[in-house]
Structures are given as C-alpha cells and as structure tokens.
PDB file of N, CA and C in Angstrom:
ATOM      1  N   UNK A   1       0.901  -1.194  -0.177  1.00  0.00           N
ATOM      2  CA  UNK A   1      -0.017   0.138  -0.012  1.00  0.00           C
ATOM      3  C   UNK A   1       0.986   1.361   0.111  1.00  0.00           C
ATOM      4  N   UNK A   2       0.343   2.154  -0.784  1.00  0.00           N
ATOM      5  CA  UNK A   2       1.116   3.596  -0.880  1.00  0.00           C
ATOM      6  C   UNK A   2       0.277   4.527  -0.275  1.00  0.00           C
ATOM      7  N   UNK A   3       0.394   5.329   0.616  1.00  0.00           N
ATOM      8  CA  UNK A   3       0.058   6.576   1.249  1.00  0.00           C
ATOM      9  C   UNK A   3       0.500   7.688   1.008  1.00  0.00           C
ATOM     10  N   UNK A   4      -0.429   8.825   0.631  1.00  0.00           N
ATOM     11  CA  UNK A   4       0.119  10.180   0.211  1.00  0.00           C
ATOM     12  C   UNK A   4      -0.318  11.179   1.028  1.00  0.00           C
ATOM     13  N   UNK A   5       0.281  12.071   1.498  1.00  0.00           N
ATOM     14  CA  UNK A   5       0.009  13.494   2.069  1.00  0.00           C
ATOM     15  C   UNK A   5       0.666  14.712   1.595  1.00  0.00           C
ATOM     16  N   UNK A   6       0.290  15.867   1.276  1.00  0.00           N
ATOM     17  CA  UNK A   6       1.253  16.897   0.882  1.00  0.00           C
ATOM     18  C   UNK A   6       1.962  17.284   2.165  1.00  0.00           C
ATOM     19  N   UNK A   7       1.489  16.916   3.376  1.00  0.00           N
ATOM     20  CA  UNK A   7       2.382  17.547   4.526  1.00  0.00           C
ATOM     21  C   UNK A   7       3.289  16.378   5.226  1.00  0.00           C
ATOM     22  N   UNK A   8       4.512  16.715   5.099  1.00  0.00           N
ATOM     23  CA  UNK A   8       5.620  15.979   5.611  1.00  0.00           C
ATOM     24  C   UNK A   8       5.220  15.969   7.165  1.00  0.00           C
ATOM     25  N   UNK A   9       4.818  16.999   7.678  1.00  0.00           N
ATOM     26  CA  UNK A   9       4.554  16.840   9.261  1.00  0.00           C
ATOM     27  C   UNK A   9       3.370  15.860   9.590  1.00  0.00           C
ATOM     28  N   UNK A  10       2.375  15.873   8.739  1.00  0.00           N
ATOM     29  CA  UNK A  10       1.421  14.826   8.802  1.00  0.00           C
ATOM     30  C   UNK A  10       1.786  13.475   8.534  1.00  0.00           C
ATOM     31  N   UNK A  11       2.578  13.367   7.882  1.00  0.00           N
ATOM     32  CA  UNK A  11       3.354  11.953   7.443  1.00  0.00           C
ATOM     33  C   UNK A  11       4.305  11.394   8.679  1.00  0.00           C
ATOM     34  N   UNK A  12       4.819  12.427   9.300  1.00  0.00           N
ATOM     35  CA  UNK A  12       5.589  11.839  10.424  1.00  0.00           C
ATOM     36  C   UNK A  12       4.757  11.413  11.541  1.00  0.00           C
ATOM     37  N   UNK A  13       3.507  11.539  11.614  1.00  0.00           N
ATOM     38  CA  UNK A  13       2.497  11.007  12.597  1.00  0.00           C
ATOM     39  C   UNK A  13       1.900   9.878  12.396  1.00  0.00           C
ATOM     40  N   UNK A  14       2.316   9.468  10.915  1.00  0.00           N
ATOM     41  CA  UNK A  14       1.548   8.186  10.466  1.00  0.00           C
ATOM     42  C   UNK A  14       2.001   6.832  11.466  1.00  0.00           C
ATOM     43  N   UNK A  15       1.300   5.987  11.632  1.00  0.00           N
ATOM     44  CA  UNK A  15       1.640   4.713  12.241  1.00  0.00           C
ATOM     45  C   UNK A  15       2.629   3.955  11.051  1.00  0.00           C
ATOM     46  N   UNK A  16       3.727   3.297  11.486  1.00  0.00           N
ATOM     47  CA  UNK A  16       4.480   2.374  10.718  1.00  0.00           C
ATOM     48  C   UNK A  16       3.883   1.144  10.648  1.00  0.00           C
ATOM     49  N   UNK A  17       3.771   0.647   9.463  1.00  0.00           N
ATOM     50  CA  UNK A  17       3.558  -0.614   9.237  1.00  0.00           C
ATOM     51  C   UNK A  17       4.424  -1.184   8.032  1.00  0.00           C
ATOM     52  N   UNK A  18       4.770  -2.579   8.017  1.00  0.00           N
ATOM     53  CA  UNK A  18       5.398  -3.149   7.151  1.00  0.00           C
ATOM     54  C   UNK A  18       4.876  -3.204   5.716  1.00  0.00           C
ATOM     55  N   UNK A  19       3.688  -3.004   5.642  1.00  0.00           N
ATOM     56  CA  UNK A  19       2.984  -3.120   4.335  1.00  0.00           C
ATOM     57  C   UNK A  19       2.703  -1.813   3.814  1.00  0.00           C
ATOM     58  N   UNK A  20       2.959  -0.544   4.196  1.00  0.00           N
ATOM     59  CA  UNK A  20       2.549   0.778   3.888  1.00  0.00           C
ATOM     60  C   UNK A  20       3.879   1.578   3.665  1.00  0.00           C
ATOM     61  N   UNK A  21       3.892   2.176   2.404  1.00  0.00           N
ATOM     62  CA  UNK A  21       5.052   3.088   2.223  1.00  0.00           C
ATOM     63  C   UNK A  21       4.454   4.707   2.183  1.00  0.00           C
ATOM     64  N   UNK A  22       5.049   5.499   2.944  1.00  0.00           N
ATOM     65  CA  UNK A  22       4.419   6.879   2.932  1.00  0.00           C
ATOM     66  C   UNK A  22       5.143   7.779   2.190  1.00  0.00           C
ATOM     67  N   UNK A  23       4.538   8.740   1.408  1.00  0.00           N
ATOM     68  CA  UNK A  23       5.328   9.714   0.693  1.00  0.00           C
ATOM     69  C   UNK A  23       4.622  11.314   0.475  1.00  0.00           C
ATOM     70  N   UNK A  24       5.280  12.174   0.493  1.00  0.00           N
ATOM     71  CA  UNK A  24       4.700  13.697   0.384  1.00  0.00           C
ATOM     72  C   UNK A  24       4.344  13.703  -1.034  1.00  0.00           C
ATOM     73  N   UNK A  25       3.259  14.193  -1.223  1.00  0.00           N
ATOM     74  CA  UNK A  25       2.717  14.323  -2.889  1.00  0.00           C
ATOM     75  C   UNK A  25       1.404  14.840  -2.658  1.00  0.00           C
ATOM     76  N   UNK A  26       1.338  15.647  -3.821  1.00  0.00           N
ATOM     77  CA  UNK A  26       0.125  16.471  -4.280  1.00  0.00           C
ATOM     78  C   UNK A  26      -0.824  15.707  -4.766  1.00  0.00           C
ATOM     79  N   UNK A  27      -2.430  15.810  -4.407  1.00  0.00           N
ATOM     80  CA  UNK A  27      -3.256  14.667  -4.876  1.00  0.00           C
ATOM     81  C   UNK A  27      -3.117  14.722  -6.355  1.00  0.00           C
ATOM     82  N   UNK A  28      -3.139  15.989  -7.187  1.00  0.00           N
ATOM     83  CA  UNK A  28      -2.986  16.080  -8.459  1.00  0.00           C
ATOM     84  C   UNK A  28      -1.597  15.577  -9.195  1.00  0.00           C
ATOM     85  N   UNK A  29      -0.709  15.303  -8.524  1.00  0.00           N
ATOM     86  CA  UNK A  29       0.603  14.675  -9.012  1.00  0.00           C
ATOM     87  C   UNK A  29       1.160  13.605  -8.187  1.00  0.00           C
ATOM     88  N   UNK A  30       0.619  12.694  -7.974  1.00  0.00           N
ATOM     89  CA  UNK A  30       1.013  11.395  -7.301  1.00  0.00           C
ATOM     90  C   UNK A  30       2.188  10.749  -8.049  1.00  0.00           C
ATOM     91  N   UNK A  31       3.257  10.237  -7.311  1.00  0.00           N
ATOM     92  CA  UNK A  31       4.348   9.722  -7.760  1.00  0.00           C
ATOM     93  C   UNK A  31       4.069   8.171  -8.221  1.00  0.00           C
ATOM     94  N   UNK A  32       3.087   7.900  -8.946  1.00  0.00           N
ATOM     95  CA  UNK A  32       2.772   6.556  -9.552  1.00  0.00           C
ATOM     96  C   UNK A  32       2.307   6.446 -10.971  1.00  0.00           C
ATOM     97  N   UNK A  33       2.807   5.389 -11.625  1.00  0.00           N
ATOM     98  CA  UNK A  33       2.493   5.344 -12.976  1.00  0.00           C
ATOM     99  C   UNK A  33       0.820   5.003 -13.013  1.00  0.00           C
ATOM    100  N   UNK A  34       0.198   5.630 -14.334  1.00  0.00           N
ATOM    101  CA  UNK A  34      -1.067   5.190 -14.488  1.00  0.00           C
ATOM    102  C   UNK A  34      -1.335   3.849 -14.785  1.00  0.00           C
ATOM    103  N   UNK A  35      -2.498   3.324 -13.969  1.00  0.00           N
ATOM    104  CA  UNK A  35      -3.046   2.120 -14.205  1.00  0.00           C
ATOM    105  C   UNK A  35      -2.386   1.034 -13.122  1.00  0.00           C
ATOM    106  N   UNK A  36      -1.562   1.559 -12.225  1.00  0.00           N
ATOM    107  CA  UNK A  36      -1.090   0.698 -11.243  1.00  0.00           C
ATOM    108  C   UNK A  36      -1.799   0.751  -9.906  1.00  0.00           C
ATOM    109  N   UNK A  37      -2.750   1.639  -9.447  1.00  0.00           N
ATOM    110  CA  UNK A  37      -3.302   1.765  -8.590  1.00  0.00           C
ATOM    111  C   UNK A  37      -4.838   0.875  -8.681  1.00  0.00           C
ATOM    112  N   UNK A  38      -4.907   0.347  -7.653  1.00  0.00           N
ATOM    113  CA  UNK A  38      -6.270  -0.507  -7.610  1.00  0.00           C
ATOM    114  C   UNK A  38      -7.367   0.088  -7.047  1.00  0.00           C
ATOM    115  N   UNK A  39      -7.192   1.204  -6.060  1.00  0.00           N
ATOM    116  CA  UNK A  39      -8.319   2.062  -5.721  1.00  0.00           C
ATOM    117  C   UNK A  39      -7.597   3.469  -5.161  1.00  0.00           C
ATOM    118  N   UNK A  40      -8.448   4.435  -5.237  1.00  0.00           N
ATOM    119  CA  UNK A  40      -8.018   5.689  -4.647  1.00  0.00           C
ATOM    120  C   UNK A  40      -8.922   6.016  -3.413  1.00  0.00           C
ATOM    121  N   UNK A  41      -8.311   6.311  -2.206  1.00  0.00           N
ATOM    122  CA  UNK A  41      -9.389   6.658  -1.140  1.00  0.00           C
ATOM    123  C   UNK A  41      -8.917   8.190  -0.806  1.00  0.00           C
ATOM    124  N   UNK A  42     -10.131   9.010  -0.585  1.00  0.00           N
ATOM    125  CA  UNK A  42      -9.782  10.327  -0.114  1.00  0.00           C
ATOM    126  C   UNK A  42     -10.839  10.610   1.125  1.00  0.00           C
ATOM    127  N   UNK A  43     -10.214  11.057   2.236  1.00  0.00           N
ATOM    128  CA  UNK A  43     -11.333  10.976   3.386  1.00  0.00           C
ATOM    129  C   UNK A  43     -11.080  12.644   3.892  1.00  0.00           C
ATOM    130  N   UNK A  44     -12.172  13.470   4.208  1.00  0.00           N
ATOM    131  CA  UNK A  44     -12.130  14.522   4.797  1.00  0.00           C
ATOM    132  C   UNK A  44     -11.422  15.712   3.918  1.00  0.00           C
ATOM    133  N   UNK A  45     -11.084  15.459   2.728  1.00  0.00           N
ATOM    134  CA  UNK A  45     -10.268  16.449   2.063  1.00  0.00           C
ATOM    135  C   UNK A  45     -11.125  16.573   0.697  1.00  0.00           C
ATOM    136  N   UNK A  46     -11.830  16.011   0.085  1.00  0.00           N
ATOM    137  CA  UNK A  46     -12.335  15.958  -1.214  1.00  0.00           C
ATOM    138  C   UNK A  46     -12.827  17.352  -1.510  1.00  0.00           C
ATOM    139  N   UNK A  47     -13.368  18.174  -0.636  1.00  0.00           N
ATOM    140  CA  UNK A  47     -13.758  19.540  -1.212  1.00  0.00           C
ATOM    141  C   UNK A  47     -12.800  20.588  -1.298  1.00  0.00           C
ATOM    142  N   UNK A  48     -11.682  20.110  -0.759  1.00  0.00           N
ATOM    143  CA  UNK A  48     -10.541  21.014  -1.066  1.00  0.00           C
ATOM    144  C   UNK A  48      -9.820  20.585  -2.391  1.00  0.00           C
ATOM    145  N   UNK A  49      -9.912  19.413  -2.844  1.00  0.00           N
ATOM    146  CA  UNK A  49      -9.240  18.952  -4.063  1.00  0.00           C
ATOM    147  C   UNK A  49     -10.045  19.477  -5.083  1.00  0.00           C
ATOM    148  N   UNK A  50     -11.097  20.059  -4.829  1.00  0.00           N
ATOM    149  CA  UNK A  50     -11.960  20.704  -5.901  1.00  0.00           C
ATOM    150  C   UNK A  50     -11.870  22.185  -5.903  1.00  0.00           C
ATOM    151  N   UNK A  51     -10.988  22.673  -5.184  1.00  0.00           N
ATOM    152  CA  UNK A  51     -10.800  24.202  -5.217  1.00  0.00           C
ATOM    153  C   UNK A  51      -9.233  24.647  -5.802  1.00  0.00           C
ATOM    154  N   UNK A  52      -9.120  25.622  -6.446  1.00  0.00           N
ATOM    155  CA  UNK A  52     -10.040  26.391  -7.386  1.00  0.00           C
ATOM    156  C   UNK A  52     -10.626  25.569  -8.502  1.00  0.00           C
ATOM    157  N   UNK A  53      -9.775  24.499  -8.886  1.00  0.00           N
ATOM    158  CA  UNK A  53     -10.402  23.941 -10.102  1.00  0.00           C
ATOM    159  C   UNK A  53     -10.401  22.402  -9.940  1.00  0.00           C
ATOM    160  N   UNK A  54     -11.229  21.628 -10.073  1.00  0.00           N
ATOM    161  CA  UNK A  54     -11.440  20.240  -9.715  1.00  0.00           C
ATOM    162  C   UNK A  54     -10.366  19.323 -10.949  1.00  0.00           C
ATOM    163  N   UNK A  55     -10.203  20.079 -12.194  1.00  0.00           N
ATOM    164  CA  UNK A  55      -9.801  19.349 -13.211  1.00  0.00           C
ATOM    165  C   UNK A  55      -8.488  18.386 -12.785  1.00  0.00           C
ATOM    166  N   UNK A  56      -7.350  19.039 -12.437  1.00  0.00           N
ATOM    167  CA  UNK A  56      -6.185  18.280 -12.136  1.00  0.00           C
ATOM    168  C   UNK A  56      -6.235  17.112 -11.299  1.00  0.00           C
ATOM    169  N   UNK A  57      -7.034  17.117 -10.345  1.00  0.00           N
ATOM    170  CA  UNK A  57      -7.041  16.120  -9.354  1.00  0.00           C
ATOM    171  C   UNK A  57      -7.941  14.941  -9.996  1.00  0.00           C
ATOM    172  N   UNK A  58      -9.089  15.288 -10.616  1.00  0.00           N
ATOM    173  CA  UNK A  58      -9.890  14.124 -11.414  1.00  0.00           C
ATOM    174  C   UNK A  58      -9.202  13.693 -12.527  1.00  0.00           C
ATOM    175  N   UNK A  59      -8.156  14.468 -13.175  1.00  0.00           N
ATOM    176  CA  UNK A  59      -7.469  13.799 -14.163  1.00  0.00           C
ATOM    177  C   UNK A  59      -6.513  12.748 -13.709  1.00  0.00           C
ATOM    178  N   UNK A  60      -6.009  13.129 -12.266  1.00  0.00           N
ATOM    179  CA  UNK A  60      -5.109  12.089 -11.753  1.00  0.00           C
ATOM    180  C   UNK A  60      -5.895  10.873 -11.280  1.00  0.00           C
ATOM    181  N   UNK A  61      -7.057  10.873 -10.895  1.00  0.00           N
ATOM    182  CA  UNK A  61      -7.962   9.890 -10.392  1.00  0.00           C
ATOM    183  C   UNK A  61      -8.461   8.993 -11.583  1.00  0.00           C
ATOM    184  N   UNK A  62      -8.680   9.483 -12.763  1.00  0.00           N
ATOM    185  CA  UNK A  62      -9.089   8.745 -14.071  1.00  0.00           C
ATOM    186  C   UNK A  62      -7.594   7.956 -14.264  1.00  0.00           C
ATOM    187  N   UNK A  63      -6.373   7.919 -13.663  1.00  0.00           N
ATOM    188  CA  UNK A  63      -5.511   6.986 -14.014  1.00  0.00           C
ATOM    189  C   UNK A  63      -5.774   5.570 -13.345  1.00  0.00           C
ATOM    190  N   UNK A  64      -6.771   5.369 -12.500  1.00  0.00           N
ATOM    191  CA  UNK A  64      -7.387   4.265 -11.905  1.00  0.00           C
ATOM    192  C   UNK A  64      -7.933   3.437 -13.171  1.00  0.00           C
ATOM    193  N   UNK A  65      -7.736   2.327 -13.619  1.00  0.00           N
ATOM    194  CA  UNK A  65      -8.465   1.763 -14.746  1.00  0.00           C
ATOM    195  C   UNK A  65     -10.043   1.653 -14.439  1.00  0.00           C
ATOM    196  N   UNK A  66     -10.558   1.718 -15.478  1.00  0.00           N
ATOM    197  CA  UNK A  66     -12.212   1.647 -15.271  1.00  0.00           C
ATOM    198  C   UNK A  66     -12.719   0.431 -14.400  1.00  0.00           C
ATOM    199  N   UNK A  67     -11.870  -0.715 -14.648  1.00  0.00           N
ATOM    200  CA  UNK A  67     -12.304  -1.890 -14.120  1.00  0.00           C
ATOM    201  C   UNK A  67     -12.121  -1.807 -12.555  1.00  0.00           C
ATOM    202  N   UNK A  68     -11.485  -0.816 -12.028  1.00  0.00           N
ATOM    203  CA  UNK A  68     -11.162  -0.732 -10.727  1.00  0.00           C
ATOM    204  C   UNK A  68     -12.014   0.455 -10.124  1.00  0.00           C
ATOM    205  N   UNK A  69     -11.594   0.881  -8.956  1.00  0.00           N
ATOM    206  CA  UNK A  69     -12.621   1.777  -8.048  1.00  0.00           C
ATOM    207  C   UNK A  69     -11.949   3.226  -7.591  1.00  0.00           C
ATOM    208  N   UNK A  70     -12.722   4.152  -7.585  1.00  0.00           N
ATOM    209  CA  UNK A  70     -12.231   5.257  -6.928  1.00  0.00           C
ATOM    210  C   UNK A  70     -13.360   5.574  -5.926  1.00  0.00           C
ATOM    211  N   UNK A  71     -12.829   5.992  -4.689  1.00  0.00           N
ATOM    212  CA  UNK A  71     -13.919   6.223  -3.389  1.00  0.00           C
ATOM    213  C   UNK A  71     -13.444   7.664  -2.857  1.00  0.00           C
ATOM    214  N   UNK A  72     -14.470   8.255  -2.704  1.00  0.00           N
ATOM    215  CA  UNK A  72     -14.511   9.678  -2.287  1.00  0.00           C
ATOM    216  C   UNK A  72     -15.397   9.775  -1.233  1.00  0.00           C
ATOM    217  N   UNK A  73     -14.766  10.240   0.068  1.00  0.00           N
ATOM    218  CA  UNK A  73     -15.969  10.669   1.112  1.00  0.00           C
ATOM    219  C   UNK A  73     -15.571  12.138   1.619  1.00  0.00           C
TER     220      UNK A  73
END
C-alpha cells in the first residue's frame, strides 16, 4: 500500500507498518504510474481538492483503470 499526503509533518505522525509506504505528494501529482493503483481513497479532503479547479485531481484519479474503483468521502 502507498499512502500520500502533501504534509511531511502529517506523514511523520502516521503509524509505521511493514506493508505501507508513505510519501509526500500533491493529490494531482501522485508519484505512481498510470494504471497501477487498485483504488484511490480520499477522506475529509475531497472538498479541498475541488478548489479552485477540480480538473487536475480528477484527471489524476482517472489513472485508475475503469475496471477498478475510486472512492471519495
């Protein structure tokens, strides 16, 4: 599992786990190749990703193949 946040400080508070790799990244510029993510989850931040323009994030989310899922809450 790969987990991203734009804040290094926030990532420093994340629980270490052998199956999770944390990295700082913006939601519209994730350091992963297109088509390799099985799912994207967004919690308590979706409204911020839509400001001022939702296009960059939504284009990034489209990198998840149609046969897989994107989840926003």
